[in-house]
Amino acid sequence: MSKIKEILQKKGPHFNVVDPLTKVLDALTIMKTENLSYVVVKQDEQFLGIMSERDYAQKIKLEGRKSDLAIVKDIMTHDLPVVSYEEDLKRCMVLMNVYKTRYLPVFDDLVFMGVLTMNDLMREVMNEETATKK
């Protein structure tokens, strides 16, 4: 199976990074523009967490809060399991299943490299299955 490093290289650079004090509505606008279901929350190049559509639905919509008043740091997820840049996909699938998450922050030593999503994993598995059938 592929390594995460290869998958992230295929994805290219990410432009879905926000400061923790960003208004939730502004973060949602970035998510829509980038066609992604999450934004990366960083401050001074330090990874703090992610804000996902799920965070928005559960912590803003269902609680009747206003997305133009709330800030990202109040609803973001910050306790996700992390994986190494060189990790294999099977371990990532196990972590996503055990922690019931769709996102895994990826680090190379202490440097944040990107986010591996459930969609990334599914796409890679399907590509590998197609390649082995040929």
N, C-alpha and C. Protein backbone atom coordinates (compact mmCIF):
# COMPACT_ATOMS: atom_id res chain seq x y z
N MET A 1 0.83 -1.20 0.00
CA MET A 1 0.00 0.00 0.00
C MET A 1 0.87 1.25 0.00
N SER A 2 0.31 2.31 -0.50
CA SER A 2 1.01 3.60 -0.58
C SER A 2 1.27 4.17 0.80
N LYS A 3 2.16 5.09 0.83
CA LYS A 3 2.44 5.85 2.04
C LYS A 3 1.68 7.17 1.98
N ILE A 4 1.43 7.73 3.12
CA ILE A 4 0.72 9.00 3.19
C ILE A 4 1.48 10.09 2.44
N LYS A 5 2.78 10.02 2.52
CA LYS A 5 3.62 11.02 1.84
C LYS A 5 3.24 11.13 0.37
N GLU A 6 3.05 10.00 -0.28
CA GLU A 6 2.69 9.98 -1.70
C GLU A 6 1.31 10.58 -1.94
N ILE A 7 0.37 10.28 -1.06
CA ILE A 7 -0.99 10.80 -1.21
C ILE A 7 -1.00 12.32 -1.05
N LEU A 8 -0.31 12.82 -0.04
CA LEU A 8 -0.28 14.26 0.18
C LEU A 8 0.42 14.99 -0.95
N GLN A 9 1.43 14.37 -1.53
CA GLN A 9 2.12 14.99 -2.67
C GLN A 9 1.17 15.10 -3.86
N LYS A 10 0.32 14.11 -4.06
CA LYS A 10 -0.66 14.15 -5.15
C LYS A 10 -1.69 15.27 -4.92
N LYS A 11 -2.06 15.49 -3.66
CA LYS A 11 -3.06 16.51 -3.33
C LYS A 11 -2.53 17.92 -3.60
N GLY A 12 -1.24 18.09 -3.47
CA GLY A 12 -0.66 19.40 -3.68
C GLY A 12 -0.84 20.31 -2.47
N PRO A 13 -0.52 21.59 -2.64
CA PRO A 13 -0.60 22.53 -1.50
C PRO A 13 -2.04 22.76 -1.07
N HIS A 14 -2.19 23.08 0.20
CA HIS A 14 -3.54 23.35 0.71
C HIS A 14 -3.68 24.83 1.05
N PHE A 15 -4.84 25.36 0.74
CA PHE A 15 -5.13 26.78 0.96
C PHE A 15 -6.30 26.96 1.92
N ASN A 16 -6.56 25.94 2.68
CA ASN A 16 -7.69 25.96 3.60
C ASN A 16 -7.21 26.10 5.05
N VAL A 17 -6.36 27.08 5.28
CA VAL A 17 -5.80 27.31 6.61
C VAL A 17 -6.40 28.59 7.18
N VAL A 18 -6.82 28.52 8.45
CA VAL A 18 -7.38 29.69 9.12
C VAL A 18 -6.74 29.87 10.48
N ASP A 19 -6.83 31.08 10.97
CA ASP A 19 -6.39 31.43 12.32
C ASP A 19 -7.51 31.03 13.29
N PRO A 20 -7.18 30.70 14.53
CA PRO A 20 -8.23 30.30 15.48
C PRO A 20 -9.26 31.38 15.78
N LEU A 21 -8.93 32.64 15.52
CA LEU A 21 -9.88 33.72 15.79
C LEU A 21 -10.76 34.07 14.58
N THR A 22 -10.63 33.29 13.52
CA THR A 22 -11.46 33.49 12.32
C THR A 22 -12.92 33.21 12.66
N LYS A 23 -13.81 34.02 12.12
CA LYS A 23 -15.24 33.77 12.29
C LYS A 23 -15.60 32.47 11.58
N VAL A 24 -16.49 31.70 12.17
CA VAL A 24 -16.92 30.43 11.59
C VAL A 24 -17.48 30.63 10.19
N LEU A 25 -18.23 31.69 9.97
CA LEU A 25 -18.79 31.96 8.65
C LEU A 25 -17.69 32.13 7.61
N ASP A 26 -16.61 32.81 7.96
CA ASP A 26 -15.48 32.98 7.04
C ASP A 26 -14.80 31.64 6.75
N ALA A 27 -14.68 30.80 7.76
CA ALA A 27 -14.09 29.47 7.56
C ALA A 27 -14.97 28.62 6.64
N LEU A 28 -16.28 28.72 6.81
CA LEU A 28 -17.21 28.00 5.93
C LEU A 28 -17.08 28.48 4.49
N THR A 29 -16.86 29.76 4.30
CA THR A 29 -16.68 30.32 2.96
C THR A 29 -15.43 29.74 2.30
N ILE A 30 -14.36 29.62 3.07
CA ILE A 30 -13.12 29.00 2.54
C ILE A 30 -13.37 27.54 2.19
N MET A 31 -14.09 26.84 3.04
CA MET A 31 -14.40 25.43 2.77
C MET A 31 -15.16 25.30 1.46
N LYS A 32 -16.13 26.18 1.25
CA LYS A 32 -16.91 26.14 0.01
C LYS A 32 -16.03 26.46 -1.19
N THR A 33 -15.21 27.49 -1.08
CA THR A 33 -14.33 27.91 -2.17
C THR A 33 -13.36 26.80 -2.56
N GLU A 34 -12.79 26.13 -1.57
CA GLU A 34 -11.82 25.07 -1.81
C GLU A 34 -12.48 23.71 -2.06
N ASN A 35 -13.81 23.64 -1.93
CA ASN A 35 -14.56 22.40 -2.08
C ASN A 35 -14.03 21.31 -1.14
N LEU A 36 -13.86 21.69 0.12
CA LEU A 36 -13.38 20.77 1.14
C LEU A 36 -14.34 20.78 2.32
N SER A 37 -14.29 19.75 3.12
CA SER A 37 -15.19 19.63 4.27
C SER A 37 -14.54 20.06 5.58
N TYR A 38 -13.37 20.68 5.51
CA TYR A 38 -12.66 21.08 6.71
C TYR A 38 -11.71 22.23 6.40
N VAL A 39 -11.30 22.92 7.46
CA VAL A 39 -10.20 23.87 7.38
C VAL A 39 -9.18 23.50 8.46
N VAL A 40 -7.93 23.78 8.17
CA VAL A 40 -6.85 23.56 9.12
C VAL A 40 -6.72 24.82 9.97
N VAL A 41 -6.63 24.64 11.27
CA VAL A 41 -6.49 25.77 12.18
C VAL A 41 -5.04 25.83 12.65
N LYS A 42 -4.39 26.95 12.30
CA LYS A 42 -2.99 27.15 12.67
C LYS A 42 -2.81 28.56 13.23
N GLN A 43 -1.83 28.67 14.11
CA GLN A 43 -1.45 29.98 14.62
C GLN A 43 0.06 30.05 14.64
N ASP A 44 0.61 31.04 13.96
CA ASP A 44 2.06 31.18 13.85
C ASP A 44 2.71 29.89 13.36
N GLU A 45 2.13 29.30 12.32
CA GLU A 45 2.62 28.06 11.71
C GLU A 45 2.50 26.83 12.60
N GLN A 46 1.87 26.95 13.76
CA GLN A 46 1.67 25.80 14.64
C GLN A 46 0.26 25.23 14.43
N PHE A 47 0.20 23.93 14.15
CA PHE A 47 -1.09 23.25 13.96
C PHE A 47 -1.83 23.20 15.29
N LEU A 48 -3.10 23.62 15.28
CA LEU A 48 -3.92 23.59 16.49
C LEU A 48 -5.07 22.59 16.39
N GLY A 49 -5.56 22.34 15.18
CA GLY A 49 -6.68 21.43 15.01
C GLY A 49 -7.34 21.65 13.66
N ILE A 50 -8.56 21.12 13.52
CA ILE A 50 -9.33 21.36 12.31
C ILE A 50 -10.76 21.74 12.70
N MET A 51 -11.40 22.45 11.81
CA MET A 51 -12.83 22.70 11.93
C MET A 51 -13.47 22.04 10.73
N SER A 52 -14.42 21.17 10.99
CA SER A 52 -15.07 20.43 9.91
C SER A 52 -16.55 20.80 9.81
N GLU A 53 -17.17 20.32 8.74
CA GLU A 53 -18.61 20.50 8.58
C GLU A 53 -19.36 19.91 9.77
N ARG A 54 -18.84 18.82 10.27
CA ARG A 54 -19.46 18.16 11.42
C ARG A 54 -19.39 19.05 12.67
N ASP A 55 -18.24 19.70 12.88
CA ASP A 55 -18.12 20.64 14.00
C ASP A 55 -19.16 21.74 13.87
N TYR A 56 -19.30 22.26 12.66
CA TYR A 56 -20.27 23.32 12.42
C TYR A 56 -21.70 22.83 12.73
N ALA A 57 -22.04 21.68 12.20
CA ALA A 57 -23.40 21.16 12.39
C ALA A 57 -23.71 20.91 13.86
N GLN A 58 -22.78 20.31 14.57
CA GLN A 58 -23.04 19.93 15.96
C GLN A 58 -22.89 21.08 16.95
N LYS A 59 -21.97 21.99 16.68
CA LYS A 59 -21.65 23.01 17.68
C LYS A 59 -22.18 24.41 17.34
N ILE A 60 -22.68 24.57 16.15
CA ILE A 60 -23.28 25.87 15.77
C ILE A 60 -24.75 25.66 15.44
N LYS A 61 -25.03 24.90 14.41
CA LYS A 61 -26.40 24.71 13.95
C LYS A 61 -27.30 24.12 15.03
N LEU A 62 -26.90 22.98 15.58
CA LEU A 62 -27.75 22.30 16.55
C LEU A 62 -27.89 23.06 17.87
N GLU A 63 -26.92 23.91 18.17
CA GLU A 63 -26.99 24.69 19.41
C GLU A 63 -27.62 26.06 19.18
N GLY A 64 -28.00 26.35 17.93
CA GLY A 64 -28.67 27.61 17.63
C GLY A 64 -27.76 28.82 17.71
N ARG A 65 -26.45 28.60 17.55
CA ARG A 65 -25.50 29.71 17.59
C ARG A 65 -25.40 30.35 16.21
N LYS A 66 -24.80 31.50 16.14
CA LYS A 66 -24.66 32.23 14.88
C LYS A 66 -23.23 32.10 14.36
N SER A 67 -23.10 31.67 13.11
CA SER A 67 -21.78 31.44 12.52
C SER A 67 -21.04 32.74 12.22
N ASP A 68 -21.75 33.86 12.17
CA ASP A 68 -21.06 35.13 11.93
C ASP A 68 -20.55 35.76 13.22
N LEU A 69 -20.89 35.16 14.36
CA LEU A 69 -20.41 35.65 15.66
C LEU A 69 -19.41 34.69 16.31
N ALA A 70 -19.59 33.39 16.08
CA ALA A 70 -18.72 32.38 16.69
C ALA A 70 -17.36 32.37 16.01
N ILE A 71 -16.34 31.97 16.76
CA ILE A 71 -15.00 31.86 16.18
C ILE A 71 -14.58 30.40 16.13
N VAL A 72 -13.68 30.13 15.22
CA VAL A 72 -13.25 28.76 14.93
C VAL A 72 -12.71 28.05 16.16
N LYS A 73 -11.90 28.72 16.98
CA LYS A 73 -11.28 28.03 18.11
C LYS A 73 -12.31 27.47 19.09
N ASP A 74 -13.52 28.04 19.10
CA ASP A 74 -14.55 27.57 20.02
C ASP A 74 -15.24 26.29 19.56
N ILE A 75 -15.10 25.94 18.29
CA ILE A 75 -15.79 24.74 17.81
C ILE A 75 -14.86 23.72 17.16
N MET A 76 -13.59 24.07 16.97
CA MET A 76 -12.67 23.17 16.26
C MET A 76 -12.40 21.90 17.06
N THR A 77 -11.96 20.88 16.35
CA THR A 77 -11.54 19.63 16.97
C THR A 77 -10.03 19.67 17.10
N HIS A 78 -9.56 19.43 18.31
CA HIS A 78 -8.12 19.53 18.54
C HIS A 78 -7.49 18.26 19.10
N ASP A 79 -8.28 17.25 19.34
CA ASP A 79 -7.75 16.03 19.95
C ASP A 79 -7.76 14.84 18.97
N LEU A 80 -7.44 15.10 17.73
CA LEU A 80 -7.39 14.04 16.73
C LEU A 80 -6.11 13.22 16.86
N PRO A 81 -6.17 11.94 16.54
CA PRO A 81 -4.93 11.17 16.48
C PRO A 81 -4.09 11.69 15.31
N VAL A 82 -2.79 11.66 15.45
CA VAL A 82 -1.91 12.12 14.38
C VAL A 82 -1.11 10.95 13.84
N VAL A 83 -0.68 11.08 12.60
CA VAL A 83 0.12 10.04 11.97
C VAL A 83 1.39 10.63 11.38
N SER A 84 2.33 9.75 11.18
CA SER A 84 3.61 10.13 10.59
C SER A 84 3.48 10.26 9.09
N TYR A 85 4.33 11.08 8.53
CA TYR A 85 4.41 11.27 7.08
C TYR A 85 4.68 9.96 6.36
N GLU A 86 5.35 9.03 7.01
CA GLU A 86 5.72 7.75 6.40
C GLU A 86 4.77 6.61 6.76
N GLU A 87 3.67 6.90 7.41
CA GLU A 87 2.72 5.87 7.86
C GLU A 87 2.08 5.14 6.68
N ASP A 88 1.67 3.90 6.90
CA ASP A 88 0.96 3.18 5.84
C ASP A 88 -0.54 3.33 6.02
N LEU A 89 -1.28 3.04 4.97
CA LEU A 89 -2.72 3.30 4.96
C LEU A 89 -3.52 2.38 5.87
N LYS A 90 -3.07 1.17 6.05
CA LYS A 90 -3.83 0.25 6.91
C LYS A 90 -3.93 0.79 8.33
N ARG A 91 -2.84 1.29 8.84
CA ARG A 91 -2.86 1.86 10.19
C ARG A 91 -3.78 3.09 10.24
N CYS A 92 -3.78 3.88 9.19
CA CYS A 92 -4.66 5.05 9.14
C CYS A 92 -6.12 4.64 9.17
N MET A 93 -6.46 3.59 8.45
CA MET A 93 -7.84 3.10 8.45
C MET A 93 -8.24 2.64 9.85
N VAL A 94 -7.35 1.95 10.52
CA VAL A 94 -7.62 1.49 11.89
C VAL A 94 -7.84 2.69 12.81
N LEU A 95 -6.96 3.69 12.74
CA LEU A 95 -7.11 4.87 13.58
C LEU A 95 -8.42 5.60 13.32
N MET A 96 -8.78 5.77 12.06
CA MET A 96 -10.04 6.45 11.73
C MET A 96 -11.23 5.67 12.29
N ASN A 97 -11.16 4.37 12.21
CA ASN A 97 -12.24 3.53 12.72
C ASN A 97 -12.32 3.60 14.25
N VAL A 98 -11.20 3.45 14.92
CA VAL A 98 -11.18 3.44 16.38
C VAL A 98 -11.61 4.79 16.95
N TYR A 99 -11.11 5.88 16.36
CA TYR A 99 -11.40 7.22 16.88
C TYR A 99 -12.63 7.86 16.23
N LYS A 100 -13.28 7.14 15.33
CA LYS A 100 -14.50 7.64 14.66
C LYS A 100 -14.28 9.03 14.06
N THR A 101 -13.21 9.16 13.30
CA THR A 101 -12.89 10.43 12.67
C THR A 101 -12.73 10.25 11.17
N ARG A 102 -12.87 11.33 10.45
CA ARG A 102 -12.70 11.32 9.00
C ARG A 102 -11.41 12.01 8.59
N TYR A 103 -10.65 12.49 9.59
CA TYR A 103 -9.45 13.29 9.31
C TYR A 103 -8.29 12.87 10.21
N LEU A 104 -7.10 12.82 9.63
CA LEU A 104 -5.89 12.55 10.39
C LEU A 104 -4.84 13.60 10.04
N PRO A 105 -4.43 14.42 11.00
CA PRO A 105 -3.32 15.34 10.74
C PRO A 105 -2.03 14.53 10.54
N VAL A 106 -1.22 14.96 9.58
CA VAL A 106 0.00 14.25 9.24
C VAL A 106 1.20 15.13 9.57
N PHE A 107 2.19 14.53 10.25
CA PHE A 107 3.39 15.25 10.63
C PHE A 107 4.62 14.51 10.16
N ASP A 108 5.64 15.27 9.82
CA ASP A 108 6.97 14.75 9.54
C ASP A 108 7.84 15.29 10.66
N ASP A 109 8.22 14.44 11.59
CA ASP A 109 8.81 14.85 12.86
C ASP A 109 7.80 15.77 13.53
N LEU A 110 8.11 17.02 13.75
CA LEU A 110 7.16 17.94 14.39
C LEU A 110 6.56 18.93 13.41
N VAL A 111 6.78 18.72 12.12
CA VAL A 111 6.31 19.65 11.10
C VAL A 111 4.98 19.16 10.52
N PHE A 112 3.96 20.01 10.58
CA PHE A 112 2.66 19.66 10.01
C PHE A 112 2.77 19.60 8.49
N MET A 113 2.30 18.49 7.90
CA MET A 113 2.41 18.29 6.46
C MET A 113 1.09 18.34 5.72
N GLY A 114 -0.02 18.14 6.43
CA GLY A 114 -1.32 18.15 5.78
C GLY A 114 -2.31 17.28 6.52
N VAL A 115 -3.45 17.06 5.89
CA VAL A 115 -4.51 16.25 6.49
C VAL A 115 -4.87 15.12 5.53
N LEU A 116 -4.89 13.93 6.06
CA LEU A 116 -5.35 12.76 5.31
C LEU A 116 -6.82 12.57 5.64
N THR A 117 -7.66 12.47 4.62
CA THR A 117 -9.10 12.32 4.85
C THR A 117 -9.56 10.91 4.50
N MET A 118 -10.75 10.61 4.96
CA MET A 118 -11.36 9.32 4.62
C MET A 118 -11.48 9.19 3.10
N ASN A 119 -11.81 10.28 2.42
CA ASN A 119 -11.92 10.24 0.95
C ASN A 119 -10.58 9.94 0.31
N ASP A 120 -9.50 10.50 0.86
CA ASP A 120 -8.16 10.21 0.33
C ASP A 120 -7.87 8.71 0.42
N LEU A 121 -8.20 8.13 1.56
CA LEU A 121 -7.96 6.70 1.76
C LEU A 121 -8.79 5.85 0.78
N MET A 122 -10.07 6.17 0.67
CA MET A 122 -10.93 5.41 -0.24
C MET A 122 -10.45 5.51 -1.68
N ARG A 123 -10.08 6.72 -2.09
CA ARG A 123 -9.59 6.93 -3.45
C ARG A 123 -8.32 6.11 -3.71
N GLU A 124 -7.42 6.10 -2.75
CA GLU A 124 -6.16 5.37 -2.91
C GLU A 124 -6.40 3.87 -2.97
N VAL A 125 -7.26 3.35 -2.12
CA VAL A 125 -7.57 1.92 -2.13
C VAL A 125 -8.21 1.52 -3.46
N MET A 126 -9.12 2.35 -3.96
CA MET A 126 -9.77 2.05 -5.24
C MET A 126 -8.75 2.10 -6.38
N ASN A 127 -7.85 3.07 -6.36
CA ASN A 127 -6.81 3.16 -7.40
C ASN A 127 -5.91 1.93 -7.37
N GLU A 128 -5.55 1.49 -6.18
CA GLU A 128 -4.68 0.32 -6.07
C GLU A 128 -5.38 -0.95 -6.54
N GLU A 129 -6.68 -1.07 -6.22
CA GLU A 129 -7.44 -2.25 -6.68
C GLU A 129 -7.54 -2.25 -8.20
N THR A 130 -7.79 -1.10 -8.78
CA THR A 130 -7.87 -0.99 -10.24
C THR A 130 -6.54 -1.35 -10.89
N ALA A 131 -5.44 -0.89 -10.30
CA ALA A 131 -4.11 -1.16 -10.85
C ALA A 131 -3.77 -2.64 -10.77
N THR A 132 -4.22 -3.34 -9.73
CA THR A 132 -3.90 -4.77 -9.60
C THR A 132 -4.76 -5.64 -10.52
N LYS A 133 -5.91 -5.15 -10.95
CA LYS A 133 -6.79 -5.90 -11.84
C LYS A 133 -6.32 -5.82 -13.29
N LYS A 134 -5.47 -4.86 -13.59
CA LYS A 134 -5.03 -4.69 -14.99
C LYS A 134 -3.95 -5.67 -15.34
